[in-house]
mmCIF file of all heavy atoms, coordinates in Angstrom:
data_MODEL
# 
_entry.id   MODEL 
# 
loop_
_atom_site.group_PDB 
_atom_site.id 
_atom_site.type_symbol 
_atom_site.label_atom_id 
_atom_site.label_alt_id 
_atom_site.label_comp_id 
_atom_site.label_asym_id 
_atom_site.label_entity_id 
_atom_site.label_seq_id 
_atom_site.pdbx_PDB_ins_code 
_atom_site.Cartn_x 
_atom_site.Cartn_y 
_atom_site.Cartn_z 
_atom_site.occupancy 
_atom_site.B_iso_or_equiv 
_atom_site.pdbx_formal_charge 
_atom_site.auth_seq_id 
_atom_site.auth_comp_id 
_atom_site.auth_asym_id 
_atom_site.auth_atom_id 
_atom_site.pdbx_PDB_model_num 
ATOM 1   N N   . LYS A 1 1  ? -15.049 27.167 -5.014  1.00 0.00 ? 1  LYS A N   1 
ATOM 2   C CA  . LYS A 1 1  ? -14.171 26.014 -4.908  1.00 0.00 ? 1  LYS A CA  1 
ATOM 3   C C   . LYS A 1 1  ? -14.214 25.194 -6.191  1.00 0.00 ? 1  LYS A C   1 
ATOM 4   O O   . LYS A 1 1  ? -15.282 24.793 -6.651  1.00 0.00 ? 1  LYS A O   1 
ATOM 5   C CB  . LYS A 1 1  ? -14.607 25.138 -3.727  1.00 0.00 ? 1  LYS A CB  1 
ATOM 6   C CG  . LYS A 1 1  ? -13.656 23.966 -3.474  1.00 0.00 ? 1  LYS A CG  1 
ATOM 7   C CD  . LYS A 1 1  ? -14.100 23.193 -2.257  1.00 0.00 ? 1  LYS A CD  1 
ATOM 8   C CE  . LYS A 1 1  ? -13.143 22.031 -1.984  1.00 0.00 ? 1  LYS A CE  1 
ATOM 9   N NZ  . LYS A 1 1  ? -13.559 21.264 -0.790  1.00 0.00 ? 1  LYS A NZ  1 
ATOM 10  N N   . ALA A 1 2  ? -13.059 24.997 -6.750  1.00 0.00 ? 2  ALA A N   1 
ATOM 11  C CA  . ALA A 1 2  ? -12.978 24.192 -7.977  1.00 0.00 ? 2  ALA A CA  1 
ATOM 12  C C   . ALA A 1 2  ? -13.380 22.754 -7.679  1.00 0.00 ? 2  ALA A C   1 
ATOM 13  O O   . ALA A 1 2  ? -13.009 22.202 -6.647  1.00 0.00 ? 2  ALA A O   1 
ATOM 14  C CB  . ALA A 1 2  ? -11.563 24.246 -8.542  1.00 0.00 ? 2  ALA A CB  1 
ATOM 15  N N   . ALA A 1 3  ? -14.138 22.174 -8.590  1.00 0.00 ? 3  ALA A N   1 
ATOM 16  C CA  . ALA A 1 3  ? -14.553 20.776 -8.407  1.00 0.00 ? 3  ALA A CA  1 
ATOM 17  C C   . ALA A 1 3  ? -13.329 19.872 -8.500  1.00 0.00 ? 3  ALA A C   1 
ATOM 18  O O   . ALA A 1 3  ? -12.418 20.115 -9.284  1.00 0.00 ? 3  ALA A O   1 
ATOM 19  C CB  . ALA A 1 3  ? -15.556 20.396 -9.483  1.00 0.00 ? 3  ALA A CB  1 
ATOM 20  N N   . ASN A 1 4  ? -13.312 18.842 -7.678  1.00 0.00 ? 4  ASN A N   1 
ATOM 21  C CA  . ASN A 1 4  ? -12.196 17.897 -7.723  1.00 0.00 ? 4  ASN A CA  1 
ATOM 22  C C   . ASN A 1 4  ? -12.198 17.182 -9.060  1.00 0.00 ? 4  ASN A C   1 
ATOM 23  O O   . ASN A 1 4  ? -13.225 16.722 -9.527  1.00 0.00 ? 4  ASN A O   1 
ATOM 24  C CB  . ASN A 1 4  ? -12.320 16.854 -6.604  1.00 0.00 ? 4  ASN A CB  1 
ATOM 25  C CG  . ASN A 1 4  ? -12.081 17.449 -5.236  1.00 0.00 ? 4  ASN A CG  1 
ATOM 26  O OD1 . ASN A 1 4  ? -11.268 18.362 -5.107  1.00 0.00 ? 4  ASN A OD1 1 
ATOM 27  N ND2 . ASN A 1 4  ? -12.761 16.939 -4.233  1.00 0.00 ? 4  ASN A ND2 1 
ATOM 28  N N   . ARG A 1 5  ? -11.036 17.105 -9.633  1.00 0.00 ? 5  ARG A N   1 
ATOM 29  C CA  . ARG A 1 5  ? -10.904 16.393 -10.899 1.00 0.00 ? 5  ARG A CA  1 
ATOM 30  C C   . ARG A 1 5  ? -11.208 14.911 -10.669 1.00 0.00 ? 5  ARG A C   1 
ATOM 31  O O   . ARG A 1 5  ? -10.782 14.311 -9.692  1.00 0.00 ? 5  ARG A O   1 
ATOM 32  C CB  . ARG A 1 5  ? -9.499  16.559 -11.461 1.00 0.00 ? 5  ARG A CB  1 
ATOM 33  C CG  . ARG A 1 5  ? -9.293  15.827 -12.791 1.00 0.00 ? 5  ARG A CG  1 
ATOM 34  C CD  . ARG A 1 5  ? -7.892  16.040 -13.284 1.00 0.00 ? 5  ARG A CD  1 
ATOM 35  N NE  . ARG A 1 5  ? -7.695  17.387 -13.739 1.00 0.00 ? 5  ARG A NE  1 
ATOM 36  C CZ  . ARG A 1 5  ? -7.945  17.796 -14.977 1.00 0.00 ? 5  ARG A CZ  1 
ATOM 37  N NH1 . ARG A 1 5  ? -8.412  16.962 -15.860 1.00 0.00 ? 5  ARG A NH1 1 
ATOM 38  N NH2 . ARG A 1 5  ? -7.726  19.038 -15.324 1.00 0.00 ? 5  ARG A NH2 1 
ATOM 39  N N   . LYS A 1 6  ? -11.970 14.320 -11.574 1.00 0.00 ? 6  LYS A N   1 
ATOM 40  C CA  . LYS A 1 6  ? -12.308 12.909 -11.448 1.00 0.00 ? 6  LYS A CA  1 
ATOM 41  C C   . LYS A 1 6  ? -11.069 12.045 -11.724 1.00 0.00 ? 6  LYS A C   1 
ATOM 42  O O   . LYS A 1 6  ? -10.253 12.364 -12.567 1.00 0.00 ? 6  LYS A O   1 
ATOM 43  C CB  . LYS A 1 6  ? -13.417 12.532 -12.435 1.00 0.00 ? 6  LYS A CB  1 
ATOM 44  C CG  . LYS A 1 6  ? -14.740 13.225 -12.152 1.00 0.00 ? 6  LYS A CG  1 
ATOM 45  C CD  . LYS A 1 6  ? -15.764 12.843 -13.213 1.00 0.00 ? 6  LYS A CD  1 
ATOM 46  C CE  . LYS A 1 6  ? -17.101 13.504 -12.925 1.00 0.00 ? 6  LYS A CE  1 
ATOM 47  N NZ  . LYS A 1 6  ? -18.121 13.165 -13.965 1.00 0.00 ? 6  LYS A NZ  1 
ATOM 48  N N   . ASN A 1 7  ? -10.970 10.954 -10.986 1.00 0.00 ? 7  ASN A N   1 
ATOM 49  C CA  . ASN A 1 7  ? -9.888  10.006 -11.219 1.00 0.00 ? 7  ASN A CA  1 
ATOM 50  C C   . ASN A 1 7  ? -10.311 9.011  -12.303 1.00 0.00 ? 7  ASN A C   1 
ATOM 51  O O   . ASN A 1 7  ? -10.607 7.846  -12.016 1.00 0.00 ? 7  ASN A O   1 
ATOM 52  C CB  . ASN A 1 7  ? -9.534  9.279  -9.922  1.00 0.00 ? 7  ASN A CB  1 
ATOM 53  C CG  . ASN A 1 7  ? -8.812  10.176 -8.953  1.00 0.00 ? 7  ASN A CG  1 
ATOM 54  O OD1 . ASN A 1 7  ? -7.851  10.846 -9.322  1.00 0.00 ? 7  ASN A OD1 1 
ATOM 55  N ND2 . ASN A 1 7  ? -9.276  10.216 -7.719  1.00 0.00 ? 7  ASN A ND2 1 
ATOM 56  N N   . ILE A 1 8  ? -10.342 9.480  -13.519 1.00 0.00 ? 8  ILE A N   1 
ATOM 57  C CA  . ILE A 1 8  ? -10.824 8.661  -14.619 1.00 0.00 ? 8  ILE A CA  1 
ATOM 58  C C   . ILE A 1 8  ? -9.857  7.496  -14.887 1.00 0.00 ? 8  ILE A C   1 
ATOM 59  O O   . ILE A 1 8  ? -10.255 6.334  -14.966 1.00 0.00 ? 8  ILE A O   1 
ATOM 60  C CB  . ILE A 1 8  ? -11.006 9.496  -15.897 1.00 0.00 ? 8  ILE A CB  1 
ATOM 61  C CG1 . ILE A 1 8  ? -12.073 10.578 -15.665 1.00 0.00 ? 8  ILE A CG1 1 
ATOM 62  C CG2 . ILE A 1 8  ? -11.360 8.612  -17.078 1.00 0.00 ? 8  ILE A CG2 1 
ATOM 63  C CD1 . ILE A 1 8  ? -13.445 10.046 -15.367 1.00 0.00 ? 8  ILE A CD1 1 
ATOM 64  N N   . TYR A 1 9  ? -8.596  7.805  -15.023 1.00 0.00 ? 9  TYR A N   1 
ATOM 65  C CA  . TYR A 1 9  ? -7.600  6.775  -15.341 1.00 0.00 ? 9  TYR A CA  1 
ATOM 66  C C   . TYR A 1 9  ? -7.139  6.051  -14.085 1.00 0.00 ? 9  TYR A C   1 
ATOM 67  O O   . TYR A 1 9  ? -6.931  4.832  -14.093 1.00 0.00 ? 9  TYR A O   1 
ATOM 68  C CB  . TYR A 1 9  ? -6.424  7.389  -16.086 1.00 0.00 ? 9  TYR A CB  1 
ATOM 69  C CG  . TYR A 1 9  ? -6.841  8.003  -17.395 1.00 0.00 ? 9  TYR A CG  1 
ATOM 70  C CD1 . TYR A 1 9  ? -7.223  9.346  -17.482 1.00 0.00 ? 9  TYR A CD1 1 
ATOM 71  C CD2 . TYR A 1 9  ? -6.893  7.242  -18.558 1.00 0.00 ? 9  TYR A CD2 1 
ATOM 72  C CE1 . TYR A 1 9  ? -7.650  9.896  -18.682 1.00 0.00 ? 9  TYR A CE1 1 
ATOM 73  C CE2 . TYR A 1 9  ? -7.317  7.782  -19.765 1.00 0.00 ? 9  TYR A CE2 1 
ATOM 74  C CZ  . TYR A 1 9  ? -7.701  9.118  -19.811 1.00 0.00 ? 9  TYR A CZ  1 
ATOM 75  O OH  . TYR A 1 9  ? -8.128  9.660  -20.998 1.00 0.00 ? 9  TYR A OH  1 
ATOM 76  N N   . GLY A 1 10 ? -7.003  6.786  -13.004 1.00 0.00 ? 10 GLY A N   1 
ATOM 77  C CA  . GLY A 1 10 ? -6.513  6.195  -11.761 1.00 0.00 ? 10 GLY A CA  1 
ATOM 78  C C   . GLY A 1 10 ? -7.397  5.114  -11.195 1.00 0.00 ? 10 GLY A C   1 
ATOM 79  O O   . GLY A 1 10 ? -6.932  4.236  -10.462 1.00 0.00 ? 10 GLY A O   1 
ATOM 80  N N   . GLN A 1 11 ? -8.705  5.151  -11.518 1.00 0.00 ? 11 GLN A N   1 
ATOM 81  C CA  . GLN A 1 11 ? -9.617  4.142  -10.967 1.00 0.00 ? 11 GLN A CA  1 
ATOM 82  C C   . GLN A 1 11 ? -9.368  2.752  -11.547 1.00 0.00 ? 11 GLN A C   1 
ATOM 83  O O   . GLN A 1 11 ? -9.884  1.762  -11.019 1.00 0.00 ? 11 GLN A O   1 
ATOM 84  C CB  . GLN A 1 11 ? -11.058 4.569  -11.198 1.00 0.00 ? 11 GLN A CB  1 
ATOM 85  C CG  . GLN A 1 11 ? -11.500 4.611  -12.637 1.00 0.00 ? 11 GLN A CG  1 
ATOM 86  C CD  . GLN A 1 11 ? -12.906 5.159  -12.815 1.00 0.00 ? 11 GLN A CD  1 
ATOM 87  O OE1 . GLN A 1 11 ? -13.813 4.835  -12.058 1.00 0.00 ? 11 GLN A OE1 1 
ATOM 88  N NE2 . GLN A 1 11 ? -13.098 6.042  -13.803 1.00 0.00 ? 11 GLN A NE2 1 
ATOM 89  N N   . PHE A 1 12 ? -8.582  2.662  -12.612 1.00 0.00 ? 12 PHE A N   1 
ATOM 90  C CA  . PHE A 1 12 ? -8.303  1.357  -13.230 1.00 0.00 ? 12 PHE A CA  1 
ATOM 91  C C   . PHE A 1 12 ? -6.863  0.901  -13.006 1.00 0.00 ? 12 PHE A C   1 
ATOM 92  O O   . PHE A 1 12 ? -6.373  0.025  -13.721 1.00 0.00 ? 12 PHE A O   1 
ATOM 93  C CB  . PHE A 1 12 ? -8.599  1.417  -14.723 1.00 0.00 ? 12 PHE A CB  1 
ATOM 94  C CG  . PHE A 1 12 ? -10.038 1.719  -15.030 1.00 0.00 ? 12 PHE A CG  1 
ATOM 95  C CD1 . PHE A 1 12 ? -10.399 2.948  -15.548 1.00 0.00 ? 12 PHE A CD1 1 
ATOM 96  C CD2 . PHE A 1 12 ? -11.025 0.791  -14.769 1.00 0.00 ? 12 PHE A CD2 1 
ATOM 97  C CE1 . PHE A 1 12 ? -11.726 3.238  -15.820 1.00 0.00 ? 12 PHE A CE1 1 
ATOM 98  C CE2 . PHE A 1 12 ? -12.348 1.071  -15.036 1.00 0.00 ? 12 PHE A CE2 1 
ATOM 99  C CZ  . PHE A 1 12 ? -12.703 2.299  -15.562 1.00 0.00 ? 12 PHE A CZ  1 
ATOM 100 N N   . VAL A 1 13 ? -6.218  1.478  -12.033 1.00 0.00 ? 13 VAL A N   1 
ATOM 101 C CA  . VAL A 1 13 ? -4.808  1.186  -11.781 1.00 0.00 ? 13 VAL A CA  1 
ATOM 102 C C   . VAL A 1 13 ? -4.660  0.224  -10.608 1.00 0.00 ? 13 VAL A C   1 
ATOM 103 O O   . VAL A 1 13 ? -5.279  0.408  -9.556  1.00 0.00 ? 13 VAL A O   1 
ATOM 104 C CB  . VAL A 1 13 ? -4.041  2.487  -11.487 1.00 0.00 ? 13 VAL A CB  1 
ATOM 105 C CG1 . VAL A 1 13 ? -2.665  2.206  -10.952 1.00 0.00 ? 13 VAL A CG1 1 
ATOM 106 C CG2 . VAL A 1 13 ? -3.956  3.344  -12.764 1.00 0.00 ? 13 VAL A CG2 1 
ATOM 107 N N   . SER A 1 14 ? -3.856  -0.809 -10.783 1.00 0.00 ? 14 SER A N   1 
ATOM 108 C CA  . SER A 1 14 ? -3.449  -1.661 -9.663  1.00 0.00 ? 14 SER A CA  1 
ATOM 109 C C   . SER A 1 14 ? -2.302  -0.980 -8.941  1.00 0.00 ? 14 SER A C   1 
ATOM 110 O O   . SER A 1 14 ? -1.597  -0.153 -9.522  1.00 0.00 ? 14 SER A O   1 
ATOM 111 C CB  . SER A 1 14 ? -3.020  -3.044 -10.160 1.00 0.00 ? 14 SER A CB  1 
ATOM 112 O OG  . SER A 1 14 ? -4.088  -3.691 -10.813 1.00 0.00 ? 14 SER A OG  1 
ATOM 113 N N   . ARG A 1 15 ? -2.112  -1.331 -7.681  1.00 0.00 ? 15 ARG A N   1 
ATOM 114 C CA  . ARG A 1 15 ? -1.063  -0.686 -6.885  1.00 0.00 ? 15 ARG A CA  1 
ATOM 115 C C   . ARG A 1 15 ? 0.010   -1.700 -6.497  1.00 0.00 ? 15 ARG A C   1 
ATOM 116 O O   . ARG A 1 15 ? -0.294  -2.772 -5.977  1.00 0.00 ? 15 ARG A O   1 
ATOM 117 C CB  . ARG A 1 15 ? -1.656  -0.078 -5.605  1.00 0.00 ? 15 ARG A CB  1 
ATOM 118 C CG  . ARG A 1 15 ? -2.860  0.830  -5.850  1.00 0.00 ? 15 ARG A CG  1 
ATOM 119 C CD  . ARG A 1 15 ? -2.504  2.107  -6.572  1.00 0.00 ? 15 ARG A CD  1 
ATOM 120 N NE  . ARG A 1 15 ? -3.683  2.923  -6.821  1.00 0.00 ? 15 ARG A NE  1 
ATOM 121 C CZ  . ARG A 1 15 ? -3.701  4.059  -7.494  1.00 0.00 ? 15 ARG A CZ  1 
ATOM 122 N NH1 . ARG A 1 15 ? -2.568  4.536  -7.989  1.00 0.00 ? 15 ARG A NH1 1 
ATOM 123 N NH2 . ARG A 1 15 ? -4.829  4.734  -7.677  1.00 0.00 ? 15 ARG A NH2 1 
ATOM 124 N N   . LYS A 1 16 ? 1.245   -1.350 -6.762  1.00 0.00 ? 16 LYS A N   1 
ATOM 125 C CA  . LYS A 1 16 ? 2.386   -2.140 -6.320  1.00 0.00 ? 16 LYS A CA  1 
ATOM 126 C C   . LYS A 1 16 ? 3.220   -1.271 -5.370  1.00 0.00 ? 16 LYS A C   1 
ATOM 127 O O   . LYS A 1 16 ? 3.134   -0.045 -5.402  1.00 0.00 ? 16 LYS A O   1 
ATOM 128 C CB  . LYS A 1 16 ? 3.237   -2.596 -7.511  1.00 0.00 ? 16 LYS A CB  1 
ATOM 129 C CG  . LYS A 1 16 ? 2.472   -3.413 -8.559  1.00 0.00 ? 16 LYS A CG  1 
ATOM 130 C CD  . LYS A 1 16 ? 2.001   -4.727 -8.021  1.00 0.00 ? 16 LYS A CD  1 
ATOM 131 C CE  . LYS A 1 16 ? 1.258   -5.532 -9.068  1.00 0.00 ? 16 LYS A CE  1 
ATOM 132 N NZ  . LYS A 1 16 ? 0.735   -6.803 -8.551  1.00 0.00 ? 16 LYS A NZ  1 
ATOM 133 N N   . GLU A 1 17 ? 4.043   -1.918 -4.581  1.00 0.00 ? 17 GLU A N   1 
ATOM 134 C CA  . GLU A 1 17 ? 4.872   -1.173 -3.624  1.00 0.00 ? 17 GLU A CA  1 
ATOM 135 C C   . GLU A 1 17 ? 6.289   -1.706 -3.643  1.00 0.00 ? 17 GLU A C   1 
ATOM 136 O O   . GLU A 1 17 ? 6.509   -2.917 -3.788  1.00 0.00 ? 17 GLU A O   1 
ATOM 137 C CB  . GLU A 1 17 ? 4.284   -1.308 -2.215  1.00 0.00 ? 17 GLU A CB  1 
ATOM 138 C CG  . GLU A 1 17 ? 5.008   -0.449 -1.182  1.00 0.00 ? 17 GLU A CG  1 
ATOM 139 C CD  . GLU A 1 17 ? 4.342   -0.524 0.180   1.00 0.00 ? 17 GLU A CD  1 
ATOM 140 O OE1 . GLU A 1 17 ? 4.573   -1.528 0.902   1.00 0.00 ? 17 GLU A OE1 1 
ATOM 141 O OE2 . GLU A 1 17 ? 3.592   0.405  0.532   1.00 0.00 ? 17 GLU A OE2 1 
ATOM 142 N N   . MET A 1 18 ? 7.260   -0.784 -3.533  1.00 0.00 ? 18 MET A N   1 
ATOM 143 C CA  . MET A 1 18 ? 8.662   -1.175 -3.517  1.00 0.00 ? 18 MET A CA  1 
ATOM 144 C C   . MET A 1 18 ? 9.313   -0.651 -2.228  1.00 0.00 ? 18 MET A C   1 
ATOM 145 O O   . MET A 1 18 ? 9.073   0.499  -1.839  1.00 0.00 ? 18 MET A O   1 
ATOM 146 C CB  . MET A 1 18 ? 9.398   -0.605 -4.739  1.00 0.00 ? 18 MET A CB  1 
ATOM 147 C CG  . MET A 1 18 ? 10.800  -1.174 -4.901  1.00 0.00 ? 18 MET A CG  1 
ATOM 148 S SD  . MET A 1 18 ? 11.597  -0.662 -6.429  1.00 0.00 ? 18 MET A SD  1 
ATOM 149 C CE  . MET A 1 18 ? 12.305  0.902  -5.933  1.00 0.00 ? 18 MET A CE  1 
ATOM 150 N N   . PRO A 1 19 ? 10.110  -1.482 -1.554  1.00 0.00 ? 19 PRO A N   1 
ATOM 151 C CA  . PRO A 1 19 ? 10.788  -1.014 -0.333  1.00 0.00 ? 19 PRO A CA  1 
ATOM 152 C C   . PRO A 1 19 ? 11.756  0.118  -0.638  1.00 0.00 ? 19 PRO A C   1 
ATOM 153 O O   . PRO A 1 19 ? 12.253  0.262  -1.759  1.00 0.00 ? 19 PRO A O   1 
ATOM 154 C CB  . PRO A 1 19 ? 11.520  -2.268 0.158   1.00 0.00 ? 19 PRO A CB  1 
ATOM 155 C CG  . PRO A 1 19 ? 10.879  -3.417 -0.546  1.00 0.00 ? 19 PRO A CG  1 
ATOM 156 C CD  . PRO A 1 19 ? 10.399  -2.879 -1.861  1.00 0.00 ? 19 PRO A CD  1 
ATOM 157 N N   . ASN A 1 20 ? 12.062  0.911  0.373   1.00 0.00 ? 20 ASN A N   1 
ATOM 158 C CA  . ASN A 1 20 ? 13.087  1.955  0.236   1.00 0.00 ? 20 ASN A CA  1 
ATOM 159 C C   . ASN A 1 20 ? 14.477  1.331  0.159   1.00 0.00 ? 20 ASN A C   1 
ATOM 160 O O   . ASN A 1 20 ? 14.676  0.167  0.515   1.00 0.00 ? 20 ASN A O   1 
ATOM 161 C CB  . ASN A 1 20 ? 13.023  2.915  1.415   1.00 0.00 ? 20 ASN A CB  1 
ATOM 162 C CG  . ASN A 1 20 ? 11.702  3.665  1.471   1.00 0.00 ? 20 ASN A CG  1 
ATOM 163 O OD1 . ASN A 1 20 ? 11.085  3.914  0.426   1.00 0.00 ? 20 ASN A OD1 1 
ATOM 164 N ND2 . ASN A 1 20 ? 11.252  4.022  2.656   1.00 0.00 ? 20 ASN A ND2 1 
ATOM 165 N N   . LYS A 1 21 ? 15.405  2.118  -0.308  1.00 0.00 ? 21 LYS A N   1 
ATOM 166 C CA  . LYS A 1 21 ? 16.829  1.745  -0.372  1.00 0.00 ? 21 LYS A CA  1 
ATOM 167 C C   . LYS A 1 21 ? 17.071  0.533  -1.283  1.00 0.00 ? 21 LYS A C   1 
ATOM 168 O O   . LYS A 1 21 ? 17.984  -0.253 -1.071  1.00 0.00 ? 21 LYS A O   1 
ATOM 169 C CB  . LYS A 1 21 ? 17.376  1.468  1.029   1.00 0.00 ? 21 LYS A CB  1 
ATOM 170 C CG  . LYS A 1 21 ? 17.184  2.624  2.005   1.00 0.00 ? 21 LYS A CG  1 
ATOM 171 C CD  . LYS A 1 21 ? 17.823  2.326  3.356   1.00 0.00 ? 21 LYS A CD  1 
ATOM 172 C CE  . LYS A 1 21 ? 17.485  3.405  4.373   1.00 0.00 ? 21 LYS A CE  1 
ATOM 173 N NZ  . LYS A 1 21 ? 17.943  4.741  3.972   1.00 0.00 ? 21 LYS A NZ  1 
ATOM 174 N N   . MET A 1 22 ? 16.235  0.418  -2.328  1.00 0.00 ? 22 MET A N   1 
ATOM 175 C CA  . MET A 1 22 ? 16.383  -0.695 -3.278  1.00 0.00 ? 22 MET A CA  1 
ATOM 176 C C   . MET A 1 22 ? 16.582  -0.178 -4.706  1.00 0.00 ? 22 MET A C   1 
ATOM 177 O O   . MET A 1 22 ? 16.325  -0.899 -5.673  1.00 0.00 ? 22 MET A O   1 
ATOM 178 C CB  . MET A 1 22 ? 15.151  -1.607 -3.230  1.00 0.00 ? 22 MET A CB  1 
ATOM 179 C CG  . MET A 1 22 ? 14.909  -2.272 -1.885  1.00 0.00 ? 22 MET A CG  1 
ATOM 180 S SD  . MET A 1 22 ? 16.182  -3.468 -1.442  1.00 0.00 ? 22 MET A SD  1 
ATOM 181 C CE  . MET A 1 22 ? 15.816  -4.774 -2.602  1.00 0.00 ? 22 MET A CE  1 
ATOM 182 N N   . GLY A 1 23 ? 17.027  1.074  -4.848  1.00 0.00 ? 23 GLY A N   1 
ATOM 183 C CA  . GLY A 1 23 ? 17.219  1.639  -6.160  1.00 0.00 ? 23 GLY A CA  1 
ATOM 184 C C   . GLY A 1 23 ? 15.934  2.227  -6.708  1.00 0.00 ? 23 GLY A C   1 
ATOM 185 O O   . GLY A 1 23 ? 14.893  2.241  -6.051  1.00 0.00 ? 23 GLY A O   1 
ATOM 186 N N   . LYS A 1 24 ? 15.996  2.722  -7.951  1.00 0.00 ? 24 LYS A N   1 
ATOM 187 C CA  . LYS A 1 24 ? 14.840  3.374  -8.583  1.00 0.00 ? 24 LYS A CA  1 
ATOM 188 C C   . LYS A 1 24 ? 14.127  2.501  -9.604  1.00 0.00 ? 24 LYS A C   1 
ATOM 189 O O   . LYS A 1 24 ? 13.116  2.906  -10.165 1.00 0.00 ? 24 LYS A O   1 
ATOM 190 C CB  . LYS A 1 24 ? 15.294  4.673  -9.274  1.00 0.00 ? 24 LYS A CB  1 
ATOM 191 C CG  . LYS A 1 24 ? 15.654  5.809  -8.344  1.00 0.00 ? 24 LYS A CG  1 
ATOM 192 C CD  . LYS A 1 24 ? 15.947  7.066  -9.142  1.00 0.00 ? 24 LYS A CD  1 
ATOM 193 C CE  . LYS A 1 24 ? 16.221  8.255  -8.217  1.00 0.00 ? 24 LYS A CE  1 
ATOM 194 N NZ  . LYS A 1 24 ? 16.465  9.500  -8.994  1.00 0.00 ? 24 LYS A NZ  1 
ATOM 195 N N   . THR A 1 25 ? 14.633  1.301  -9.837  1.00 0.00 ? 25 THR A N   1 
ATOM 196 C CA  . THR A 1 25 ? 14.038  0.420  -10.843 1.00 0.00 ? 25 THR A CA  1 
ATOM 197 C C   . THR A 1 25 ? 13.208  -0.677 -10.194 1.00 0.00 ? 25 THR A C   1 
ATOM 198 O O   . THR A 1 25 ? 13.672  -1.362 -9.274  1.00 0.00 ? 25 THR A O   1 
ATOM 199 C CB  . THR A 1 25 ? 15.123  -0.207 -11.739 1.00 0.00 ? 25 THR A CB  1 
ATOM 200 O OG1 . THR A 1 25 ? 15.868  0.833  -12.379 1.00 0.00 ? 25 THR A OG1 1 
ATOM 201 C CG2 . THR A 1 25 ? 14.509  -1.100 -12.795 1.00 0.00 ? 25 THR A CG2 1 
ATOM 202 N N   . PHE A 1 26 ? 11.999  -0.836 -10.677 1.00 0.00 ? 26 PHE A N   1 
ATOM 203 C CA  . PHE A 1 26 ? 11.083  -1.873 -10.184 1.00 0.00 ? 26 PHE A CA  1 
ATOM 204 C C   . PHE A 1 26 ? 10.887  -2.905 -11.272 1.00 0.00 ? 26 PHE A C   1 
ATOM 205 O O   . PHE A 1 26 ? 10.598  -2.570 -12.429 1.00 0.00 ? 26 PHE A O   1 
ATOM 206 C CB  . PHE A 1 26 ? 9.738   -1.235 -9.805  1.00 0.00 ? 26 PHE A CB  1 
ATOM 207 C CG  . PHE A 1 26 ? 8.676   -2.217 -9.377  1.00 0.00 ? 26 PHE A CG  1 
ATOM 208 C CD1 . PHE A 1 26 ? 8.577   -2.648 -8.060  1.00 0.00 ? 26 PHE A CD1 1 
ATOM 209 C CD2 . PHE A 1 26 ? 7.762   -2.717 -10.314 1.00 0.00 ? 26 PHE A CD2 1 
ATOM 210 C CE1 . PHE A 1 26 ? 7.600   -3.551 -7.682  1.00 0.00 ? 26 PHE A CE1 1 
ATOM 211 C CE2 . PHE A 1 26 ? 6.777   -3.608 -9.934  1.00 0.00 ? 26 PHE A CE2 1 
ATOM 212 C CZ  . PHE A 1 26 ? 6.697   -4.029 -8.610  1.00 0.00 ? 26 PHE A CZ  1 
ATOM 213 N N   . LYS A 1 27 ? 11.020  -4.189 -10.926 1.00 0.00 ? 27 LYS A N   1 
ATOM 214 C CA  . LYS A 1 27 ? 10.841  -5.271 -11.888 1.00 0.00 ? 27 LYS A CA  1 
ATOM 215 C C   . LYS A 1 27 ? 9.805   -6.259 -11.368 1.00 0.00 ? 27 LYS A C   1 
ATOM 216 O O   . LYS A 1 27 ? 9.695   -6.474 -10.159 1.00 0.00 ? 27 LYS A O   1 
ATOM 217 C CB  . LYS A 1 27 ? 12.157  -6.002 -12.145 1.00 0.00 ? 27 LYS A CB  1 
ATOM 218 C CG  . LYS A 1 27 ? 13.248  -5.168 -12.806 1.00 0.00 ? 27 LYS A CG  1 
ATOM 219 C CD  . LYS A 1 27 ? 14.488  -6.006 -13.104 1.00 0.00 ? 27 LYS A CD  1 
ATOM 220 C CE  . LYS A 1 27 ? 15.556  -5.174 -13.792 1.00 0.00 ? 27 LYS A CE  1 
ATOM 221 N NZ  . LYS A 1 27 ? 16.759  -5.984 -14.152 1.00 0.00 ? 27 LYS A NZ  1 
ATOM 222 N N   . ILE A 1 28 ? 9.073   -6.846 -12.288 1.00 0.00 ? 28 ILE A N   1 
ATOM 223 C CA  . ILE A 1 28 ? 8.094   -7.872 -11.918 1.00 0.00 ? 28 ILE A CA  1 
ATOM 224 C C   . ILE A 1 28 ? 8.030   -8.889 -13.049 1.00 0.00 ? 28 ILE A C   1 
ATOM 225 O O   . ILE A 1 28 ? 8.149   -8.536 -14.235 1.00 0.00 ? 28 ILE A O   1 
ATOM 226 C CB  . ILE A 1 28 ? 6.708   -7.243 -11.633 1.00 0.00 ? 28 ILE A CB  1 
ATOM 227 C CG1 . ILE A 1 28 ? 5.755   -8.280 -11.051 1.00 0.00 ? 28 ILE A CG1 1 
ATOM 228 C CG2 . ILE A 1 28 ? 6.121   -6.603 -12.882 1.00 0.00 ? 28 ILE A CG2 1 
ATOM 229 C CD1 . ILE A 1 28 ? 4.475   -7.683 -10.510 1.00 0.00 ? 28 ILE A CD1 1 
# 
């Protein structure tokens, strides 16, 4: 079994969420 790749970059990411049916562009 291949070792799971570490989330090196992902561990420093904040998470935002956008509702559906609002287009593909997110602004903040």
